[in-house]
Amino acid sequence: MSGDTHEGLRSSVAHQHDIRGRDDALAARLAGLERTNQELQERVRRYERERVEIKLRLGRLLARMGIDLP
């Protein structure tokens, strides 16, 4: 093998290593974004449950006062 072939092979291996590193970084970032998305979805579900509960409580209080919620 000539020196150019060794250098080309070395360059190709280095390039593949760089690509794998970027792939790993992207995969880690994607995993982080997916975790964040799951956490936010859970917060939305919790807020929705709380909103329904507050609406029910408010409705009961207003009913005691003779006022109906629309």
N, C-alpha and C. Protein backbone atom coordinates (compact mmCIF):
# COMPACT_ATOMS: atom_id res chain seq x y z
N MET A 1 0.84 -1.18 0.00
CA MET A 1 0.00 0.00 0.00
C MET A 1 0.88 1.23 0.00
N SER A 2 0.43 2.21 -0.68
CA SER A 2 1.20 3.44 -0.74
C SER A 2 0.82 4.34 0.43
N GLY A 3 1.59 5.39 0.63
CA GLY A 3 1.32 6.34 1.70
C GLY A 3 -0.01 7.02 1.52
N ASP A 4 -0.38 7.28 0.24
CA ASP A 4 -1.67 7.92 -0.04
C ASP A 4 -2.83 7.02 0.37
N THR A 5 -2.69 5.72 0.15
CA THR A 5 -3.74 4.78 0.51
C THR A 5 -3.91 4.74 2.03
N HIS A 6 -2.79 4.70 2.75
CA HIS A 6 -2.85 4.71 4.22
C HIS A 6 -3.50 6.00 4.72
N GLU A 7 -3.12 7.11 4.14
CA GLU A 7 -3.67 8.40 4.55
C GLU A 7 -5.16 8.47 4.22
N GLY A 8 -5.54 7.96 3.06
CA GLY A 8 -6.96 7.94 2.68
C GLY A 8 -7.77 7.08 3.64
N LEU A 9 -7.21 5.92 4.00
CA LEU A 9 -7.88 5.02 4.94
C LEU A 9 -8.00 5.69 6.30
N ARG A 10 -6.93 6.31 6.73
CA ARG A 10 -6.92 7.00 8.01
C ARG A 10 -7.96 8.13 8.02
N SER A 11 -8.02 8.86 6.91
CA SER A 11 -8.98 9.95 6.78
C SER A 11 -10.41 9.42 6.80
N SER A 12 -10.65 8.31 6.12
CA SER A 12 -11.97 7.71 6.09
C SER A 12 -12.40 7.24 7.47
N VAL A 13 -11.48 6.61 8.19
CA VAL A 13 -11.78 6.13 9.55
C VAL A 13 -12.08 7.32 10.45
N ALA A 14 -11.29 8.38 10.34
CA ALA A 14 -11.51 9.58 11.15
C ALA A 14 -12.88 10.19 10.83
N HIS A 15 -13.22 10.21 9.55
CA HIS A 15 -14.51 10.75 9.14
C HIS A 15 -15.65 9.93 9.73
N GLN A 16 -15.54 8.62 9.67
CA GLN A 16 -16.56 7.74 10.24
C GLN A 16 -16.68 7.95 11.75
N HIS A 17 -15.55 8.13 12.42
CA HIS A 17 -15.55 8.38 13.86
C HIS A 17 -16.27 9.69 14.17
N ASP A 18 -16.03 10.72 13.35
CA ASP A 18 -16.71 12.00 13.53
C ASP A 18 -18.22 11.86 13.34
N ILE A 19 -18.60 11.09 12.32
CA ILE A 19 -20.03 10.87 12.06
C ILE A 19 -20.67 10.15 13.24
N ARG A 20 -20.00 9.11 13.75
CA ARG A 20 -20.56 8.38 14.90
C ARG A 20 -20.67 9.28 16.12
N GLY A 21 -19.68 10.13 16.32
CA GLY A 21 -19.74 11.06 17.44
C GLY A 21 -20.92 12.01 17.32
N ARG A 22 -21.15 12.51 16.11
CA ARG A 22 -22.30 13.40 15.89
C ARG A 22 -23.61 12.63 16.06
N ASP A 23 -23.63 11.39 15.57
CA ASP A 23 -24.83 10.57 15.74
C ASP A 23 -25.12 10.35 17.22
N ASP A 24 -24.08 10.05 17.99
CA ASP A 24 -24.26 9.84 19.43
C ASP A 24 -24.76 11.12 20.10
N ALA A 25 -24.19 12.24 19.71
CA ALA A 25 -24.63 13.52 20.29
C ALA A 25 -26.08 13.81 19.93
N LEU A 26 -26.45 13.55 18.68
CA LEU A 26 -27.84 13.77 18.26
C LEU A 26 -28.78 12.83 18.98
N ALA A 27 -28.37 11.57 19.15
CA ALA A 27 -29.20 10.60 19.86
C ALA A 27 -29.40 11.03 21.31
N ALA A 28 -28.34 11.52 21.94
CA ALA A 28 -28.44 11.99 23.33
C ALA A 28 -29.36 13.20 23.41
N ARG A 29 -29.23 14.11 22.46
CA ARG A 29 -30.10 15.30 22.45
C ARG A 29 -31.55 14.91 22.22
N LEU A 30 -31.78 13.97 21.30
CA LEU A 30 -33.14 13.51 21.03
C LEU A 30 -33.73 12.86 22.28
N ALA A 31 -32.96 12.04 22.97
CA ALA A 31 -33.44 11.39 24.19
C ALA A 31 -33.80 12.45 25.23
N GLY A 32 -32.98 13.48 25.34
CA GLY A 32 -33.28 14.56 26.28
C GLY A 32 -34.56 15.29 25.91
N LEU A 33 -34.73 15.55 24.62
CA LEU A 33 -35.95 16.23 24.17
C LEU A 33 -37.18 15.36 24.38
N GLU A 34 -37.03 14.06 24.19
CA GLU A 34 -38.17 13.15 24.43
C GLU A 34 -38.54 13.13 25.91
N ARG A 35 -37.53 13.12 26.79
CA ARG A 35 -37.82 13.18 28.23
C ARG A 35 -38.52 14.48 28.59
N THR A 36 -38.04 15.58 28.05
CA THR A 36 -38.65 16.88 28.31
C THR A 36 -40.09 16.89 27.80
N ASN A 37 -40.32 16.34 26.62
CA ASN A 37 -41.67 16.27 26.06
C ASN A 37 -42.59 15.46 26.97
N GLN A 38 -42.11 14.33 27.46
CA GLN A 38 -42.92 13.49 28.35
C GLN A 38 -43.25 14.24 29.64
N GLU A 39 -42.26 14.94 30.19
CA GLU A 39 -42.49 15.71 31.41
C GLU A 39 -43.53 16.81 31.17
N LEU A 40 -43.42 17.49 30.04
CA LEU A 40 -44.37 18.56 29.73
C LEU A 40 -45.77 18.01 29.50
N GLN A 41 -45.87 16.86 28.85
CA GLN A 41 -47.18 16.25 28.63
C GLN A 41 -47.81 15.87 29.97
N GLU A 42 -47.00 15.36 30.89
CA GLU A 42 -47.51 15.01 32.22
C GLU A 42 -47.97 16.26 32.96
N ARG A 43 -47.23 17.36 32.83
CA ARG A 43 -47.65 18.61 33.46
C ARG A 43 -48.98 19.09 32.89
N VAL A 44 -49.14 18.99 31.58
CA VAL A 44 -50.40 19.40 30.95
C VAL A 44 -51.54 18.54 31.49
N ARG A 45 -51.32 17.22 31.58
CA ARG A 45 -52.36 16.34 32.11
C ARG A 45 -52.71 16.71 33.55
N ARG A 46 -51.67 17.00 34.36
CA ARG A 46 -51.91 17.38 35.75
C ARG A 46 -52.66 18.70 35.82
N TYR A 47 -52.27 19.69 35.02
CA TYR A 47 -52.96 20.98 35.01
C TYR A 47 -54.41 20.81 34.58
N GLU A 48 -54.64 19.93 33.61
CA GLU A 48 -56.01 19.70 33.15
C GLU A 48 -56.84 19.07 34.27
N ARG A 49 -56.28 18.11 35.00
CA ARG A 49 -57.00 17.50 36.13
C ARG A 49 -57.30 18.57 37.19
N GLU A 50 -56.29 19.41 37.47
CA GLU A 50 -56.49 20.47 38.47
C GLU A 50 -57.54 21.46 38.00
N ARG A 51 -57.54 21.80 36.73
CA ARG A 51 -58.52 22.73 36.18
C ARG A 51 -59.94 22.18 36.35
N VAL A 52 -60.11 20.89 36.05
CA VAL A 52 -61.42 20.26 36.19
C VAL A 52 -61.84 20.27 37.66
N GLU A 53 -60.91 19.95 38.54
CA GLU A 53 -61.21 19.93 39.97
C GLU A 53 -61.60 21.34 40.47
N ILE A 54 -60.86 22.34 40.05
CA ILE A 54 -61.16 23.72 40.46
C ILE A 54 -62.52 24.15 39.92
N LYS A 55 -62.82 23.77 38.68
CA LYS A 55 -64.11 24.13 38.09
C LYS A 55 -65.25 23.49 38.89
N LEU A 56 -65.06 22.22 39.29
CA LEU A 56 -66.08 21.55 40.09
C LEU A 56 -66.27 22.24 41.43
N ARG A 57 -65.16 22.56 42.09
CA ARG A 57 -65.24 23.25 43.39
C ARG A 57 -65.93 24.61 43.25
N LEU A 58 -65.53 25.34 42.22
CA LEU A 58 -66.14 26.65 41.99
C LEU A 58 -67.63 26.50 41.72
N GLY A 59 -67.98 25.50 40.92
CA GLY A 59 -69.39 25.26 40.63
C GLY A 59 -70.18 24.97 41.89
N ARG A 60 -69.61 24.18 42.80
CA ARG A 60 -70.29 23.86 44.06
C ARG A 60 -70.47 25.12 44.91
N LEU A 61 -69.40 25.92 44.99
CA LEU A 61 -69.49 27.15 45.78
C LEU A 61 -70.53 28.11 45.20
N LEU A 62 -70.49 28.26 43.89
CA LEU A 62 -71.45 29.15 43.26
C LEU A 62 -72.88 28.62 43.39
N ALA A 63 -73.05 27.30 43.34
CA ALA A 63 -74.38 26.70 43.50
C ALA A 63 -74.92 27.01 44.89
N ARG A 64 -74.05 27.00 45.90
CA ARG A 64 -74.49 27.36 47.25
C ARG A 64 -74.99 28.81 47.31
N MET A 65 -74.41 29.62 46.44
CA MET A 65 -74.80 31.03 46.40
C MET A 65 -75.93 31.27 45.41
N GLY A 66 -76.39 30.22 44.74
CA GLY A 66 -77.49 30.33 43.80
C GLY A 66 -77.07 30.82 42.42
N ILE A 67 -75.79 30.66 42.10
CA ILE A 67 -75.29 31.09 40.80
C ILE A 67 -74.84 29.83 40.03
N ASP A 68 -75.27 29.73 38.77
CA ASP A 68 -74.88 28.58 37.94
C ASP A 68 -73.72 28.96 37.00
N LEU A 69 -72.80 28.02 36.82
CA LEU A 69 -71.74 28.21 35.83
C LEU A 69 -72.31 27.96 34.44
N PRO A 70 -71.84 28.71 33.46
CA PRO A 70 -72.32 28.47 32.08
C PRO A 70 -71.82 27.14 31.56
